[in-house]
PDB file of N, CA and C in Angstrom:
ATOM      1  N   MET A   1       0.851  -1.197   0.000  1.00  0.00           N
ATOM      2  CA  MET A   1       0.000   0.000   0.000  1.00  0.00           C
ATOM      3  C   MET A   1       0.887   1.247   0.000  1.00  0.00           C
ATOM      4  N   ASP A   2       0.508   2.252  -0.740  1.00  0.00           N
ATOM      5  CA  ASP A   2       1.262   3.493  -0.835  1.00  0.00           C
ATOM      6  C   ASP A   2       1.076   4.307   0.440  1.00  0.00           C
ATOM      7  N   LYS A   3       2.156   4.400   1.230  1.00  0.00           N
ATOM      8  CA  LYS A   3       2.058   5.059   2.532  1.00  0.00           C
ATOM      9  C   LYS A   3       1.907   6.575   2.419  1.00  0.00           C
ATOM     10  N   THR A   4       2.228   7.140   1.266  1.00  0.00           N
ATOM     11  CA  THR A   4       2.070   8.589   1.114  1.00  0.00           C
ATOM     12  C   THR A   4       0.598   8.986   1.079  1.00  0.00           C
ATOM     13  N   LYS A   5      -0.279   8.041   0.771  1.00  0.00           N
ATOM     14  CA  LYS A   5      -1.709   8.339   0.681  1.00  0.00           C
ATOM     15  C   LYS A   5      -2.483   7.848   1.901  1.00  0.00           C
ATOM     16  N   LEU A   6      -1.768   7.380   2.923  1.00  0.00           N
ATOM     17  CA  LEU A   6      -2.445   6.880   4.121  1.00  0.00           C
ATOM     18  C   LEU A   6      -3.077   8.019   4.906  1.00  0.00           C
ATOM     19  N   SER A   7      -4.232   7.740   5.425  1.00  0.00           N
ATOM     20  CA  SER A   7      -4.927   8.683   6.298  1.00  0.00           C
ATOM     21  C   SER A   7      -5.196   7.970   7.617  1.00  0.00           C
ATOM     22  N   ALA A   8      -4.925   8.623   8.725  1.00  0.00           N
ATOM     23  CA  ALA A   8      -5.162   8.022  10.040  1.00  0.00           C
ATOM     24  C   ALA A   8      -6.632   7.646  10.195  1.00  0.00           C
ATOM     25  N   LYS A   9      -7.509   8.493   9.735  1.00  0.00           N
ATOM     26  CA  LYS A   9      -8.955   8.225   9.850  1.00  0.00           C
ATOM     27  C   LYS A   9      -9.345   6.986   9.052  1.00  0.00           C
ATOM     28  N   ASN A  10      -8.777   6.830   7.852  1.00  0.00           N
ATOM     29  CA  ASN A  10      -9.084   5.644   7.035  1.00  0.00           C
ATOM     30  C   ASN A  10      -8.538   4.376   7.678  1.00  0.00           C
ATOM     31  N   VAL A  11      -7.301   4.434   8.165  1.00  0.00           N
ATOM     32  CA  VAL A  11      -6.701   3.277   8.837  1.00  0.00           C
ATOM     33  C   VAL A  11      -7.547   2.900  10.046  1.00  0.00           C
ATOM     34  N   TRP A  12      -7.932   3.904  10.842  1.00  0.00           N
ATOM     35  CA  TRP A  12      -8.728   3.636  12.044  1.00  0.00           C
ATOM     36  C   TRP A  12     -10.103   3.077  11.679  1.00  0.00           C
ATOM     37  N   GLY A  13     -10.722   3.633  10.658  1.00  0.00           N
ATOM     38  CA  GLY A  13     -12.022   3.141  10.215  1.00  0.00           C
ATOM     39  C   GLY A  13     -11.963   1.677   9.797  1.00  0.00           C
ATOM     40  N   LYS A  14     -10.891   1.297   9.131  1.00  0.00           N
ATOM     41  CA  LYS A  14     -10.728  -0.095   8.717  1.00  0.00           C
ATOM     42  C   LYS A  14     -10.442  -1.004   9.912  1.00  0.00           C
ATOM     43  N   ILE A  15      -9.779  -0.471  10.923  1.00  0.00           N
ATOM     44  CA  ILE A  15      -9.561  -1.243  12.155  1.00  0.00           C
ATOM     45  C   ILE A  15     -10.915  -1.539  12.799  1.00  0.00           C
ATOM     46  N   VAL A  16     -11.752  -0.522  12.907  1.00  0.00           N
ATOM     47  CA  VAL A  16     -13.083  -0.690  13.505  1.00  0.00           C
ATOM     48  C   VAL A  16     -13.904  -1.691  12.678  1.00  0.00           C
ATOM     49  N   LEU A  17     -13.826  -1.593  11.366  1.00  0.00           N
ATOM     50  CA  LEU A  17     -14.517  -2.536  10.485  1.00  0.00           C
ATOM     51  C   LEU A  17     -14.012  -3.970  10.718  1.00  0.00           C
ATOM     52  N   TYR A  18     -12.711  -4.142  10.794  1.00  0.00           N
ATOM     53  CA  TYR A  18     -12.118  -5.462  11.047  1.00  0.00           C
ATOM     54  C   TYR A  18     -12.641  -6.051  12.361  1.00  0.00           C
ATOM     55  N   LEU A  19     -12.685  -5.213  13.389  1.00  0.00           N
ATOM     56  CA  LEU A  19     -13.153  -5.689  14.698  1.00  0.00           C
ATOM     57  C   LEU A  19     -14.608  -6.142  14.622  1.00  0.00           C
ATOM     58  N   ARG A  20     -15.425  -5.397  13.897  1.00  0.00           N
ATOM     59  CA  ARG A  20     -16.832  -5.779  13.744  1.00  0.00           C
ATOM     60  C   ARG A  20     -16.966  -7.091  12.976  1.00  0.00           C
ATOM     61  N   GLU A  21     -16.246  -7.195  11.874  1.00  0.00           N
ATOM     62  CA  GLU A  21     -16.329  -8.399  11.046  1.00  0.00           C
ATOM     63  C   GLU A  21     -15.802  -9.636  11.763  1.00  0.00           C
ATOM     64  N   ASN A  22     -14.874  -9.439  12.708  1.00  0.00           N
ATOM     65  CA  ASN A  22     -14.295 -10.561  13.443  1.00  0.00           C
ATOM     66  C   ASN A  22     -14.934 -10.743  14.813  1.00  0.00           C
ATOM     67  N   LYS A  23     -16.074 -10.096  15.001  1.00  0.00           N
ATOM     68  CA  LYS A  23     -16.904 -10.266  16.193  1.00  0.00           C
ATOM     69  C   LYS A  23     -16.183  -9.971  17.509  1.00  0.00           C
ATOM     70  N   LYS A  24     -15.354  -8.954  17.493  1.00  0.00           N
ATOM     71  CA  LYS A  24     -14.691  -8.464  18.705  1.00  0.00           C
ATOM     72  C   LYS A  24     -15.539  -7.303  19.229  1.00  0.00           C
ATOM     73  N   VAL A  25     -16.697  -7.664  19.750  1.00  0.00           N
ATOM     74  CA  VAL A  25     -17.756  -6.698  20.040  1.00  0.00           C
ATOM     75  C   VAL A  25     -17.317  -5.615  21.028  1.00  0.00           C
ATOM     76  N   ALA A  26     -16.770  -6.002  22.166  1.00  0.00           N
ATOM     77  CA  ALA A  26     -16.400  -5.012  23.186  1.00  0.00           C
ATOM     78  C   ALA A  26     -15.352  -4.042  22.652  1.00  0.00           C
ATOM     79  N   LEU A  27     -14.361  -4.585  21.977  1.00  0.00           N
ATOM     80  CA  LEU A  27     -13.308  -3.739  21.422  1.00  0.00           C
ATOM     81  C   LEU A  27     -13.860  -2.859  20.293  1.00  0.00           C
ATOM     82  N   HIS A  28     -14.744  -3.422  19.484  1.00  0.00           N
ATOM     83  CA  HIS A  28     -15.367  -2.658  18.399  1.00  0.00           C
ATOM     84  C   HIS A  28     -16.151  -1.470  18.950  1.00  0.00           C
ATOM     85  N   VAL A  29     -16.951  -1.713  19.982  1.00  0.00           N
ATOM     86  CA  VAL A  29     -17.761  -0.638  20.573  1.00  0.00           C
ATOM     87  C   VAL A  29     -16.853   0.428  21.181  1.00  0.00           C
ATOM     88  N   ALA A  30     -15.818  -0.006  21.907  1.00  0.00           N
ATOM     89  CA  ALA A  30     -14.892   0.952  22.537  1.00  0.00           C
ATOM     90  C   ALA A  30     -14.184   1.793  21.481  1.00  0.00           C
ATOM     91  N   CYS A  31     -13.730   1.161  20.429  1.00  0.00           N
ATOM     92  CA  CYS A  31     -12.982   1.867  19.388  1.00  0.00           C
ATOM     93  C   CYS A  31     -13.867   2.756  18.529  1.00  0.00           C
ATOM     94  N   GLY A  32     -15.139   2.445  18.463  1.00  0.00           N
ATOM     95  CA  GLY A  32     -16.057   3.227  17.641  1.00  0.00           C
ATOM     96  C   GLY A  32     -16.188   4.673  18.070  1.00  0.00           C
ATOM     97  N   ASP A  33     -15.902   4.960  19.340  1.00  0.00           N
ATOM     98  CA  ASP A  33     -16.015   6.332  19.845  1.00  0.00           C
ATOM     99  C   ASP A  33     -14.719   7.129  19.725  1.00  0.00           C
ATOM    100  N   ILE A  34     -13.647   6.486  19.325  1.00  0.00           N
ATOM    101  CA  ILE A  34     -12.353   7.172  19.241  1.00  0.00           C
ATOM    102  C   ILE A  34     -12.260   7.925  17.921  1.00  0.00           C
ATOM    103  N   THR A  35     -11.960   9.202  18.007  1.00  0.00           N
ATOM    104  CA  THR A  35     -11.805  10.016  16.804  1.00  0.00           C
ATOM    105  C   THR A  35     -10.442  10.708  16.738  1.00  0.00           C
ATOM    106  N   ASP A  36      -9.704  10.677  17.835  1.00  0.00           N
ATOM    107  CA  ASP A  36      -8.414  11.372  17.887  1.00  0.00           C
ATOM    108  C   ASP A  36      -7.295  10.382  17.566  1.00  0.00           C
ATOM    109  N   VAL A  37      -7.029  10.201  16.270  1.00  0.00           N
ATOM    110  CA  VAL A  37      -5.973   9.306  15.802  1.00  0.00           C
ATOM    111  C   VAL A  37      -5.080  10.067  14.836  1.00  0.00           C
ATOM    112  N   GLU A  38      -3.823   9.642  14.777  1.00  0.00           N
ATOM    113  CA  GLU A  38      -2.852  10.345  13.941  1.00  0.00           C
ATOM    114  C   GLU A  38      -1.798   9.352  13.475  1.00  0.00           C
ATOM    115  N   LEU A  39      -1.320   9.540  12.271  1.00  0.00           N
ATOM    116  CA  LEU A  39      -0.181   8.777  11.779  1.00  0.00           C
ATOM    117  C   LEU A  39       1.055   9.642  11.923  1.00  0.00           C
ATOM    118  N   SER A  40       2.093   9.060  12.510  1.00  0.00           N
ATOM    119  CA  SER A  40       3.360   9.769  12.672  1.00  0.00           C
ATOM    120  C   SER A  40       4.476   8.770  12.387  1.00  0.00           C
ATOM    121  N   GLY A  41       5.074   8.889  11.228  1.00  0.00           N
ATOM    122  CA  GLY A  41       6.103   7.929  10.826  1.00  0.00           C
ATOM    123  C   GLY A  41       5.494   6.545  10.697  1.00  0.00           C
ATOM    124  N   GLU A  42       6.021   5.610  11.438  1.00  0.00           N
ATOM    125  CA  GLU A  42       5.543   4.228  11.425  1.00  0.00           C
ATOM    126  C   GLU A  42       4.590   3.953  12.590  1.00  0.00           C
ATOM    127  N   ASN A  43       4.019   4.994  13.164  1.00  0.00           N
ATOM    128  CA  ASN A  43       3.160   4.854  14.341  1.00  0.00           C
ATOM    129  C   ASN A  43       1.740   5.332  14.068  1.00  0.00           C
ATOM    130  N   LEU A  44       0.796   4.574  14.611  1.00  0.00           N
ATOM    131  CA  LEU A  44      -0.593   5.015  14.677  1.00  0.00           C
ATOM    132  C   LEU A  44      -0.817   5.443  16.119  1.00  0.00           C
ATOM    133  N   ILE A  45      -1.047   6.718  16.319  1.00  0.00           N
ATOM    134  CA  ILE A  45      -1.197   7.273  17.662  1.00  0.00           C
ATOM    135  C   ILE A  45      -2.678   7.442  17.955  1.00  0.00           C
ATOM    136  N   ILE A  46      -3.089   6.849  19.076  1.00  0.00           N
ATOM    137  CA  ILE A  46      -4.484   6.926  19.522  1.00  0.00           C
ATOM    138  C   ILE A  46      -4.486   7.741  20.804  1.00  0.00           C
ATOM    139  N   ARG A  47      -5.284   8.805  20.831  1.00  0.00           N
ATOM    140  CA  ARG A  47      -5.343   9.670  22.021  1.00  0.00           C
ATOM    141  C   ARG A  47      -6.711   9.553  22.685  1.00  0.00           C
ATOM    142  N   THR A  48      -6.680   9.446  24.008  1.00  0.00           N
ATOM    143  CA  THR A  48      -7.914   9.419  24.783  1.00  0.00           C
ATOM    144  C   THR A  48      -7.621   9.889  26.198  1.00  0.00           C
ATOM    145  N   SER A  49      -8.655  10.350  26.873  1.00  0.00           N
ATOM    146  CA  SER A  49      -8.516  10.752  28.277  1.00  0.00           C
ATOM    147  C   SER A  49      -9.162   9.729  29.206  1.00  0.00           C
ATOM    148  N   ASP A  50      -9.732   8.688  28.647  1.00  0.00           N
ATOM    149  CA  ASP A  50     -10.514   7.710  29.399  1.00  0.00           C
ATOM    150  C   ASP A  50      -9.648   6.519  29.828  1.00  0.00           C
ATOM    151  N   ASP A  51      -9.442   6.363  31.136  1.00  0.00           N
ATOM    152  CA  ASP A  51      -8.615   5.263  31.658  1.00  0.00           C
ATOM    153  C   ASP A  51      -9.190   3.899  31.304  1.00  0.00           C
ATOM    154  N   PHE A  52     -10.500   3.759  31.381  1.00  0.00           N
ATOM    155  CA  PHE A  52     -11.129   2.483  31.052  1.00  0.00           C
ATOM    156  C   PHE A  52     -10.869   2.124  29.594  1.00  0.00           C
ATOM    157  N   LEU A  53     -11.007   3.094  28.721  1.00  0.00           N
ATOM    158  CA  LEU A  53     -10.775   2.874  27.298  1.00  0.00           C
ATOM    159  C   LEU A  53      -9.320   2.481  27.042  1.00  0.00           C
ATOM    160  N   ILE A  54      -8.408   3.105  27.747  1.00  0.00           N
ATOM    161  CA  ILE A  54      -6.991   2.753  27.615  1.00  0.00           C
ATOM    162  C   ILE A  54      -6.769   1.296  28.009  1.00  0.00           C
ATOM    163  N   ASP A  55      -7.409   0.859  29.088  1.00  0.00           N
ATOM    164  CA  ASP A  55      -7.309  -0.549  29.504  1.00  0.00           C
ATOM    165  C   ASP A  55      -7.872  -1.483  28.439  1.00  0.00           C
ATOM    166  N   VAL A  56      -9.012  -1.126  27.864  1.00  0.00           N
ATOM    167  CA  VAL A  56      -9.626  -1.953  26.822  1.00  0.00           C
ATOM    168  C   VAL A  56      -8.697  -2.042  25.610  1.00  0.00           C
ATOM    169  N   LEU A  57      -8.118  -0.924  25.220  1.00  0.00           N
ATOM    170  CA  LEU A  57      -7.202  -0.914  24.071  1.00  0.00           C
ATOM    171  C   LEU A  57      -5.963  -1.762  24.355  1.00  0.00           C
ATOM    172  N   ASN A  58      -5.397  -1.618  25.546  1.00  0.00           N
ATOM    173  CA  ASN A  58      -4.213  -2.411  25.893  1.00  0.00           C
ATOM    174  C   ASN A  58      -4.526  -3.899  25.924  1.00  0.00           C
ATOM    175  N   THR A  59      -5.689  -4.258  26.460  1.00  0.00           N
ATOM    176  CA  THR A  59      -6.104  -5.660  26.508  1.00  0.00           C
ATOM    177  C   THR A  59      -6.309  -6.219  25.108  1.00  0.00           C
ATOM    178  N   GLY A  60      -6.828  -5.401  24.207  1.00  0.00           N
ATOM    179  CA  GLY A  60      -7.101  -5.839  22.840  1.00  0.00           C
ATOM    180  C   GLY A  60      -6.004  -5.511  21.847  1.00  0.00           C
ATOM    181  N   MET A  61      -4.802  -5.232  22.343  1.00  0.00           N
ATOM    182  CA  MET A  61      -3.710  -4.804  21.468  1.00  0.00           C
ATOM    183  C   MET A  61      -3.416  -5.813  20.349  1.00  0.00           C
ATOM    184  N   LYS A  62      -3.458  -7.095  20.643  1.00  0.00           N
ATOM    185  CA  LYS A  62      -3.185  -8.114  19.605  1.00  0.00           C
ATOM    186  C   LYS A  62      -4.191  -8.007  18.458  1.00  0.00           C
ATOM    187  N   GLU A  63      -5.461  -7.816  18.805  1.00  0.00           N
ATOM    188  CA  GLU A  63      -6.490  -7.678  17.770  1.00  0.00           C
ATOM    189  C   GLU A  63      -6.294  -6.400  16.964  1.00  0.00           C
ATOM    190  N   LEU A  64      -5.902  -5.324  17.627  1.00  0.00           N
ATOM    191  CA  LEU A  64      -5.645  -4.075  16.906  1.00  0.00           C
ATOM    192  C   LEU A  64      -4.470  -4.253  15.943  1.00  0.00           C
ATOM    193  N   GLU A  65      -3.428  -4.943  16.397  1.00  0.00           N
ATOM    194  CA  GLU A  65      -2.272  -5.211  15.536  1.00  0.00           C
ATOM    195  C   GLU A  65      -2.670  -6.104  14.363  1.00  0.00           C
ATOM    196  N   ASN A  66      -3.531  -7.098  14.621  1.00  0.00           N
ATOM    197  CA  ASN A  66      -4.027  -7.956  13.532  1.00  0.00           C
ATOM    198  C   ASN A  66      -4.786  -7.135  12.499  1.00  0.00           C
ATOM    199  N   ALA A  67      -5.565  -6.163  12.968  1.00  0.00           N
ATOM    200  CA  ALA A  67      -6.345  -5.314  12.068  1.00  0.00           C
ATOM    201  C   ALA A  67      -5.437  -4.453  11.194  1.00  0.00           C
ATOM    202  N   ILE A  68      -4.317  -4.044  11.741  1.00  0.00           N
ATOM    203  CA  ILE A  68      -3.356  -3.260  10.955  1.00  0.00           C
ATOM    204  C   ILE A  68      -2.691  -4.151   9.901  1.00  0.00           C
ATOM    205  N   ARG A  69      -2.279  -5.344  10.312  1.00  0.00           N
ATOM    206  CA  ARG A  69      -1.665  -6.283   9.355  1.00  0.00           C
ATOM    207  C   ARG A  69      -2.661  -6.682   8.268  1.00  0.00           C
ATOM    208  N   TRP A  70      -3.948  -6.820   8.625  1.00  0.00           N
ATOM    209  CA  TRP A  70      -5.006  -7.148   7.677  1.00  0.00           C
ATOM    210  C   TRP A  70      -5.053  -6.111   6.551  1.00  0.00           C
ATOM    211  N   GLN A  71      -4.681  -4.887   6.858  1.00  0.00           N
ATOM    212  CA  GLN A  71      -4.661  -3.808   5.865  1.00  0.00           C
ATOM    213  C   GLN A  71      -3.361  -3.788   5.058  1.00  0.00           C
ATOM    214  N   GLY A  72      -2.443  -4.715   5.387  1.00  0.00           N
ATOM    215  CA  GLY A  72      -1.156  -4.755   4.690  1.00  0.00           C
ATOM    216  C   GLY A  72      -0.190  -3.707   5.197  1.00  0.00           C
ATOM    217  N   LEU A  73      -0.420  -3.225   6.417  1.00  0.00           N
ATOM    218  CA  LEU A  73       0.419  -2.178   6.993  1.00  0.00           C
ATOM    219  C   LEU A  73       1.296  -2.739   8.109  1.00  0.00           C
ATOM    220  N   ASN A  74       2.361  -2.038   8.378  1.00  0.00           N
ATOM    221  CA  ASN A  74       3.259  -2.414   9.464  1.00  0.00           C
ATOM    222  C   ASN A  74       3.446  -1.196  10.370  1.00  0.00           C
ATOM    223  N   LEU A  75       2.391  -0.854  11.068  1.00  0.00           N
ATOM    224  CA  LEU A  75       2.419   0.307  11.962  1.00  0.00           C
ATOM    225  C   LEU A  75       2.461  -0.163  13.411  1.00  0.00           C
ATOM    226  N   LYS A  76       3.109   0.611  14.240  1.00  0.00           N
ATOM    227  CA  LYS A  76       3.086   0.352  15.676  1.00  0.00           C
ATOM    228  C   LYS A  76       1.997   1.227  16.290  1.00  0.00           C
ATOM    229  N   ILE A  77       1.318   0.685  17.279  1.00  0.00           N
ATOM    230  CA  ILE A  77       0.244   1.434  17.935  1.00  0.00           C
ATOM    231  C   ILE A  77       0.774   2.083  19.197  1.00  0.00           C
ATOM    232  N   GLN A  78       0.510   3.350  19.339  1.00  0.00           N
ATOM    233  CA  GLN A  78       0.826   4.079  20.559  1.00  0.00           C
ATOM    234  C   GLN A  78      -0.478   4.635  21.126  1.00  0.00           C
ATOM    235  N   ILE A  79      -0.678   4.394  22.414  1.00  0.00           N
ATOM    236  CA  ILE A  79      -1.856   4.937  23.088  1.00  0.00           C
ATOM    237  C   ILE A  79      -1.370   6.066  23.990  1.00  0.00           C
ATOM    238  N   VAL A  80      -1.916   7.235  23.784  1.00  0.00           N
ATOM    239  CA  VAL A  80      -1.491   8.418  24.522  1.00  0.00           C
ATOM    240  C   VAL A  80      -2.666   8.927  25.344  1.00  0.00           C
ATOM    241  N   LYS A  81      -2.424   9.074  26.636  1.00  0.00           N
ATOM    242  CA  LYS A  81      -3.464   9.614  27.509  1.00  0.00           C
ATOM    243  C   LYS A  81      -3.281  11.125  27.631  1.00  0.00           C
ATOM    244  N   PHE A  82      -4.369  11.841  27.528  1.00  0.00           N
ATOM    245  CA  PHE A  82      -4.331  13.281  27.769  1.00  0.00           C
ATOM    246  C   PHE A  82      -5.400  13.615  28.799  1.00  0.00           C
ATOM    247  N   GLU A  83      -5.216  14.733  29.437  1.00  0.00           N
ATOM    248  CA  GLU A  83      -6.217  15.192  30.400  1.00  0.00           C
ATOM    249  C   GLU A  83      -7.167  16.141  29.697  1.00  0.00           C
ATOM    250  N   ASN A  84      -8.456  15.882  29.857  1.00  0.00           N
ATOM    251  CA  ASN A  84      -9.406  16.823  29.286  1.00  0.00           C
ATOM    252  C   ASN A  84      -9.581  17.988  30.257  1.00  0.00           C
ATOM    253  N   ILE A  85     -10.275  19.010  29.845  1.00  0.00           N
ATOM    254  CA  ILE A  85     -10.398  20.235  30.628  1.00  0.00           C
ATOM    255  C   ILE A  85     -11.043  19.989  31.991  1.00  0.00           C
ATOM    256  N   THR A  86     -12.017  19.106  32.057  1.00  0.00           N
ATOM    257  CA  THR A  86     -12.686  18.818  33.325  1.00  0.00           C
ATOM    258  C   THR A  86     -11.727  18.147  34.302  1.00  0.00           C
ATOM    259  N   GLN A  87     -10.931  17.218  33.805  1.00  0.00           N
ATOM    260  CA  GLN A  87      -9.959  16.544  34.664  1.00  0.00           C
ATOM    261  C   GLN A  87      -8.941  17.548  35.214  1.00  0.00           C
ATOM    262  N   LYS A  88      -8.486  18.462  34.373  1.00  0.00           N
ATOM    263  CA  LYS A  88      -7.530  19.481  34.815  1.00  0.00           C
ATOM    264  C   LYS A  88      -8.165  20.381  35.874  1.00  0.00           C
ATOM    265  N   GLN A  89      -9.395  20.789  35.641  1.00  0.00           N
ATOM    266  CA  GLN A  89     -10.080  21.650  36.595  1.00  0.00           C
ATOM    267  C   GLN A  89     -10.256  20.944  37.941  1.00  0.00           C
ATOM    268  N   ASP A  90     -10.645  19.672  37.902  1.00  0.00           N
ATOM    269  CA  ASP A  90     -10.822  18.911  39.140  1.00  0.00           C
ATOM    270  C   ASP A  90      -9.521  18.801  39.921  1.00  0.00           C
ATOM    271  N   LYS A  91      -8.412  18.588  39.220  1.00  0.00           N
ATOM    272  CA  LYS A  91      -7.102  18.512  39.885  1.00  0.00           C
ATOM    273  C   LYS A  91      -6.754  19.849  40.532  1.00  0.00           C
ATOM    274  N   ASP A  92      -6.997  20.932  39.795  1.00  0.00           N
ATOM    275  CA  ASP A  92      -6.706  22.258  40.328  1.00  0.00           C
ATOM    276  C   ASP A  92      -7.547  22.560  41.566  1.00  0.00           C
ATOM    277  N   ILE A  93      -8.801  22.184  41.522  1.00  0.00           N
ATOM    278  CA  ILE A  93      -9.684  22.414  42.672  1.00  0.00           C
ATOM    279  C   ILE A  93      -9.196  21.627  43.884  1.00  0.00           C
ATOM    280  N   MET A  94      -8.784  20.397  43.674  1.00  0.00           N
ATOM    281  CA  MET A  94      -8.269  19.574  44.785  1.00  0.00           C
ATOM    282  C   MET A  94      -7.014  20.207  45.399  1.00  0.00           C
ATOM    283  N   LYS A  95      -6.127  20.726  44.558  1.00  0.00           N
ATOM    284  CA  LYS A  95      -4.918  21.390  45.057  1.00  0.00           C
ATOM    285  C   LYS A  95      -5.288  22.614  45.883  1.00  0.00           C
ATOM    286  N   LEU A  96      -6.226  23.404  45.371  1.00  0.00           N
ATOM    287  CA  LEU A  96      -6.648  24.604  46.087  1.00  0.00           C
ATOM    288  C   LEU A  96      -7.286  24.249  47.429  1.00  0.00           C
ATOM    289  N   ARG A  97      -8.085  23.191  47.444  1.00  0.00           N
ATOM    290  CA  ARG A  97      -8.719  22.773  48.701  1.00  0.00           C
ATOM    291  C   ARG A  97      -7.675  22.329  49.713  1.00  0.00           C
ATOM    292  N   LYS A  98      -6.627  21.679  49.260  1.00  0.00           N
ATOM    293  CA  LYS A  98      -5.554  21.265  50.172  1.00  0.00           C
ATOM    294  C   LYS A  98      -4.818  22.481  50.725  1.00  0.00           C
ATOM    295  N   LEU A  99      -4.581  23.452  49.861  1.00  0.00           N
ATOM    296  CA  LEU A  99      -3.840  24.643  50.277  1.00  0.00           C
ATOM    297  C   LEU A  99      -4.647  25.549  51.199  1.00  0.00           C
ATOM    298  N   PHE A 100      -5.926  25.728  50.876  1.00  0.00           N
ATOM    299  CA  PHE A 100      -6.725  26.717  51.596  1.00  0.00           C
ATOM    300  C   PHE A 100      -7.794  26.110  52.511  1.00  0.00           C
ATOM    301  N   ALA A 101      -7.948  24.834  52.462  1.00  0.00           N
ATOM    302  CA  ALA A 101      -8.888  24.090  53.319  1.00  0.00           C
ATOM    303  C   ALA A 101     -10.243  24.794  53.433  1.00  0.00           C
ATOM    304  N   ASP A 102     -10.607  25.214  54.651  1.00  0.00           N
ATOM    305  CA  ASP A 102     -11.926  25.778  54.887  1.00  0.00           C
ATOM    306  C   ASP A 102     -12.042  27.249  54.473  1.00  0.00           C
ATOM    307  N   LYS A 103     -10.981  27.834  53.967  1.00  0.00           N
ATOM    308  CA  LYS A 103     -11.010  29.248  53.556  1.00  0.00           C
ATOM    309  C   LYS A 103     -11.408  29.410  52.088  1.00  0.00           C
ATOM    310  N   LEU A 104     -11.737  28.320  51.442  1.00  0.00           N
ATOM    311  CA  LEU A 104     -12.033  28.351  50.034  1.00  0.00           C
ATOM    312  C   LEU A 104     -13.486  27.984  49.756  1.00  0.00           C
ATOM    313  N   ASP A 105     -14.186  28.854  49.059  1.00  0.00           N
ATOM    314  CA  ASP A 105     -15.536  28.573  48.593  1.00  0.00           C
ATOM    315  C   ASP A 105     -15.487  28.519  47.079  1.00  0.00           C
ATOM    316  N   ILE A 106     -15.933  27.410  46.524  1.00  0.00           N
ATOM    317  CA  ILE A 106     -15.944  27.274  45.067  1.00  0.00           C
ATOM    318  C   ILE A 106     -17.370  27.435  44.586  1.00  0.00           C
ATOM    319  N   ILE A 107     -17.538  28.376  43.660  1.00  0.00           N
ATOM    320  CA  ILE A 107     -18.847  28.682  43.123  1.00  0.00           C
ATOM    321  C   ILE A 107     -18.864  28.257  41.659  1.00  0.00           C
ATOM    322  N   ASP A 108     -19.813  27.414  41.307  1.00  0.00           N
ATOM    323  CA  ASP A 108     -19.910  26.969  39.899  1.00  0.00           C
ATOM    324  C   ASP A 108     -20.573  27.995  39.055  1.00  0.00           C
TER     325      ASP A 108
END
């Protein structure tokens, strides 16, 4: 396959299709919600902020690798965790509560 024409979205879509066709239901459902994917060199980078989803992806890594090989590709999968804005805000609030204890009122 011509790697200059590869698209991360197309590769990911075919992975999801492979999982459905091979009856990997839990992994298929989990992967169906992932939209933050990128190709970087020989890597397929998957980004998520969900710890449970990261566990599901790690558990199903062999199937994901099979789906890549099924496409005739030789990509390595990298799973990258990021913090979403709510997670960052919650961490900041916890730090402030530790620092200021009962002197802090948080108003939503």
